[in-house]
Amino acid sequence: MPIRRLLKTRKYTPDEIELLNEAFDRALRALGLVDRDDPLCEMVARTVIEVGVAGASAKEIAETAVARIGLR
């Protein structure tokens, strides 16, 4: 799972990790991505982390990340 690897680059609280993981899963579902080894998943993970620093809900983070990627 690409987001776990990326989350190791900075200190996150357990709540932040849970929020970003949930947002990542929501974004993958919204994009119809199933294969976590798909290179697009890393793009989604990076975007979720970037958006997640704003402190929004998992749903808002996922929706913003999906919109920024522009595939939907």
N, C-alpha and C. Protein backbone atom coordinates (compact mmCIF):
# COMPACT_ATOMS: atom_id res chain seq x y z
N MET A 1 0.85 -1.18 0.00
CA MET A 1 0.00 0.00 0.00
C MET A 1 0.90 1.24 0.00
N PRO A 2 0.79 2.07 -1.02
CA PRO A 2 1.71 3.21 -1.12
C PRO A 2 1.57 4.26 -0.04
N ILE A 3 0.41 4.45 0.53
CA ILE A 3 0.27 5.54 1.50
C ILE A 3 1.04 5.24 2.79
N ARG A 4 1.09 4.00 3.20
CA ARG A 4 1.83 3.66 4.43
C ARG A 4 3.30 4.00 4.28
N ARG A 5 3.85 3.68 3.13
CA ARG A 5 5.26 3.97 2.87
C ARG A 5 5.50 5.49 2.90
N LEU A 6 4.59 6.24 2.32
CA LEU A 6 4.74 7.69 2.26
C LEU A 6 4.53 8.34 3.62
N LEU A 7 3.71 7.75 4.45
CA LEU A 7 3.46 8.32 5.77
C LEU A 7 4.67 8.20 6.70
N LYS A 8 5.61 7.35 6.34
CA LYS A 8 6.81 7.17 7.16
C LYS A 8 7.81 8.31 6.99
N THR A 9 7.56 9.19 6.04
CA THR A 9 8.51 10.27 5.77
C THR A 9 8.38 11.43 6.74
N ARG A 10 7.33 11.44 7.54
CA ARG A 10 7.10 12.51 8.51
C ARG A 10 6.37 11.93 9.72
N LYS A 11 6.49 12.59 10.84
CA LYS A 11 5.78 12.13 12.05
C LYS A 11 4.32 12.54 11.96
N TYR A 12 3.44 11.57 12.03
CA TYR A 12 1.99 11.80 12.06
C TYR A 12 1.44 11.20 13.33
N THR A 13 0.41 11.80 13.87
CA THR A 13 -0.25 11.22 15.03
C THR A 13 -1.08 10.02 14.56
N PRO A 14 -1.43 9.12 15.47
CA PRO A 14 -2.29 8.00 15.08
C PRO A 14 -3.61 8.48 14.46
N ASP A 15 -4.17 9.57 14.97
CA ASP A 15 -5.42 10.09 14.40
C ASP A 15 -5.21 10.59 12.97
N GLU A 16 -4.09 11.25 12.71
CA GLU A 16 -3.80 11.72 11.36
C GLU A 16 -3.62 10.55 10.40
N ILE A 17 -2.93 9.51 10.85
CA ILE A 17 -2.72 8.33 10.02
C ILE A 17 -4.05 7.67 9.69
N GLU A 18 -4.91 7.54 10.69
CA GLU A 18 -6.22 6.94 10.46
C GLU A 18 -7.03 7.77 9.46
N LEU A 19 -7.02 9.09 9.62
CA LEU A 19 -7.74 9.99 8.73
C LEU A 19 -7.22 9.87 7.30
N LEU A 20 -5.91 9.90 7.12
CA LEU A 20 -5.33 9.83 5.79
C LEU A 20 -5.56 8.47 5.14
N ASN A 21 -5.49 7.40 5.92
CA ASN A 21 -5.79 6.06 5.39
C ASN A 21 -7.24 5.98 4.92
N GLU A 22 -8.15 6.51 5.71
CA GLU A 22 -9.56 6.49 5.33
C GLU A 22 -9.79 7.32 4.06
N ALA A 23 -9.17 8.49 4.00
CA ALA A 23 -9.30 9.34 2.81
C ALA A 23 -8.72 8.65 1.58
N PHE A 24 -7.59 7.98 1.75
CA PHE A 24 -6.95 7.25 0.65
C PHE A 24 -7.89 6.16 0.13
N ASP A 25 -8.45 5.37 1.04
CA ASP A 25 -9.38 4.31 0.64
C ASP A 25 -10.59 4.88 -0.08
N ARG A 26 -11.14 5.98 0.42
CA ARG A 26 -12.29 6.62 -0.22
C ARG A 26 -11.94 7.10 -1.63
N ALA A 27 -10.76 7.70 -1.77
CA ALA A 27 -10.34 8.20 -3.08
C ALA A 27 -10.15 7.05 -4.06
N LEU A 28 -9.55 5.96 -3.61
CA LEU A 28 -9.37 4.80 -4.49
C LEU A 28 -10.71 4.25 -4.95
N ARG A 29 -11.66 4.15 -4.02
CA ARG A 29 -13.00 3.67 -4.39
C ARG A 29 -13.66 4.62 -5.39
N ALA A 30 -13.53 5.91 -5.16
CA ALA A 30 -14.14 6.90 -6.06
C ALA A 30 -13.56 6.80 -7.47
N LEU A 31 -12.29 6.45 -7.55
CA LEU A 31 -11.63 6.32 -8.86
C LEU A 31 -11.72 4.91 -9.43
N GLY A 32 -12.29 3.99 -8.68
CA GLY A 32 -12.42 2.61 -9.14
C GLY A 32 -11.10 1.86 -9.19
N LEU A 33 -10.15 2.26 -8.37
CA LEU A 33 -8.84 1.61 -8.34
C LEU A 33 -8.84 0.49 -7.31
N VAL A 34 -8.41 -0.68 -7.73
CA VAL A 34 -8.39 -1.84 -6.86
C VAL A 34 -6.96 -2.31 -6.61
N ASP A 35 -6.14 -2.29 -7.65
CA ASP A 35 -4.76 -2.78 -7.57
C ASP A 35 -3.87 -1.73 -6.89
N ARG A 36 -3.46 -2.01 -5.66
CA ARG A 36 -2.64 -1.06 -4.90
C ARG A 36 -1.25 -0.91 -5.50
N ASP A 37 -0.86 -1.79 -6.42
CA ASP A 37 0.44 -1.68 -7.07
C ASP A 37 0.37 -0.80 -8.33
N ASP A 38 -0.82 -0.36 -8.69
CA ASP A 38 -1.00 0.54 -9.84
C ASP A 38 -0.26 1.85 -9.53
N PRO A 39 0.58 2.33 -10.44
CA PRO A 39 1.31 3.58 -10.20
C PRO A 39 0.39 4.76 -9.89
N LEU A 40 -0.82 4.74 -10.37
CA LEU A 40 -1.77 5.80 -10.08
C LEU A 40 -2.10 5.87 -8.58
N CYS A 41 -2.02 4.73 -7.91
CA CYS A 41 -2.29 4.70 -6.46
C CYS A 41 -1.30 5.56 -5.70
N GLU A 42 -0.04 5.58 -6.14
CA GLU A 42 0.94 6.43 -5.46
C GLU A 42 0.60 7.90 -5.67
N MET A 43 0.13 8.24 -6.87
CA MET A 43 -0.29 9.62 -7.12
C MET A 43 -1.45 10.00 -6.21
N VAL A 44 -2.39 9.08 -6.05
CA VAL A 44 -3.53 9.32 -5.17
C VAL A 44 -3.03 9.50 -3.73
N ALA A 45 -2.14 8.63 -3.29
CA ALA A 45 -1.61 8.71 -1.92
C ALA A 45 -0.91 10.05 -1.67
N ARG A 46 -0.07 10.46 -2.61
CA ARG A 46 0.64 11.73 -2.45
C ARG A 46 -0.34 12.91 -2.40
N THR A 47 -1.35 12.85 -3.24
CA THR A 47 -2.34 13.93 -3.27
C THR A 47 -3.16 13.95 -1.99
N VAL A 48 -3.54 12.80 -1.49
CA VAL A 48 -4.29 12.72 -0.23
C VAL A 48 -3.47 13.32 0.90
N ILE A 49 -2.19 12.99 0.97
CA ILE A 49 -1.33 13.52 2.02
C ILE A 49 -1.20 15.04 1.88
N GLU A 50 -1.01 15.50 0.66
CA GLU A 50 -0.90 16.94 0.42
C GLU A 50 -2.17 17.67 0.84
N VAL A 51 -3.32 17.13 0.47
CA VAL A 51 -4.60 17.75 0.82
C VAL A 51 -4.87 17.59 2.31
N GLY A 52 -4.46 16.48 2.88
CA GLY A 52 -4.76 16.17 4.27
C GLY A 52 -4.15 17.10 5.29
N VAL A 53 -3.11 17.82 4.92
CA VAL A 53 -2.50 18.72 5.88
C VAL A 53 -3.42 19.88 6.26
N ALA A 54 -4.47 20.09 5.49
CA ALA A 54 -5.41 21.18 5.78
C ALA A 54 -6.33 20.84 6.95
N GLY A 55 -6.40 19.57 7.33
CA GLY A 55 -7.19 19.18 8.49
C GLY A 55 -8.66 18.98 8.22
N ALA A 56 -9.04 18.65 7.01
CA ALA A 56 -10.44 18.41 6.66
C ALA A 56 -10.84 16.98 7.05
N SER A 57 -12.09 16.64 6.81
CA SER A 57 -12.57 15.28 7.07
C SER A 57 -12.03 14.34 5.99
N ALA A 58 -12.09 13.05 6.25
CA ALA A 58 -11.62 12.06 5.28
C ALA A 58 -12.40 12.19 3.97
N LYS A 59 -13.69 12.41 4.06
CA LYS A 59 -14.52 12.56 2.87
C LYS A 59 -14.07 13.78 2.06
N GLU A 60 -13.85 14.90 2.73
CA GLU A 60 -13.43 16.12 2.04
C GLU A 60 -12.04 15.96 1.43
N ILE A 61 -11.14 15.31 2.15
CA ILE A 61 -9.80 15.07 1.63
C ILE A 61 -9.87 14.22 0.37
N ALA A 62 -10.64 13.13 0.44
CA ALA A 62 -10.77 12.23 -0.71
C ALA A 62 -11.36 12.96 -1.91
N GLU A 63 -12.42 13.72 -1.71
CA GLU A 63 -13.07 14.43 -2.80
C GLU A 63 -12.12 15.45 -3.43
N THR A 64 -11.37 16.16 -2.61
CA THR A 64 -10.43 17.15 -3.12
C THR A 64 -9.30 16.48 -3.88
N ALA A 65 -8.79 15.37 -3.35
CA ALA A 65 -7.71 14.64 -4.02
C ALA A 65 -8.17 14.13 -5.37
N VAL A 66 -9.35 13.54 -5.42
CA VAL A 66 -9.89 13.02 -6.68
C VAL A 66 -10.05 14.16 -7.69
N ALA A 67 -10.57 15.29 -7.24
CA ALA A 67 -10.76 16.44 -8.12
C ALA A 67 -9.41 16.95 -8.65
N ARG A 68 -8.40 17.00 -7.80
CA ARG A 68 -7.08 17.48 -8.21
C ARG A 68 -6.43 16.55 -9.23
N ILE A 69 -6.66 15.26 -9.08
CA ILE A 69 -6.08 14.31 -10.01
C ILE A 69 -6.76 14.46 -11.37
N GLY A 70 -8.03 14.78 -11.38
CA GLY A 70 -8.74 15.11 -12.60
C GLY A 70 -9.16 13.93 -13.47
N LEU A 71 -9.27 12.77 -12.90
CA LEU A 71 -9.70 11.61 -13.67
C LEU A 71 -11.18 11.33 -13.58
N ARG A 72 -11.86 12.14 -12.84
CA ARG A 72 -13.28 11.88 -12.62
C ARG A 72 -14.09 13.08 -12.94
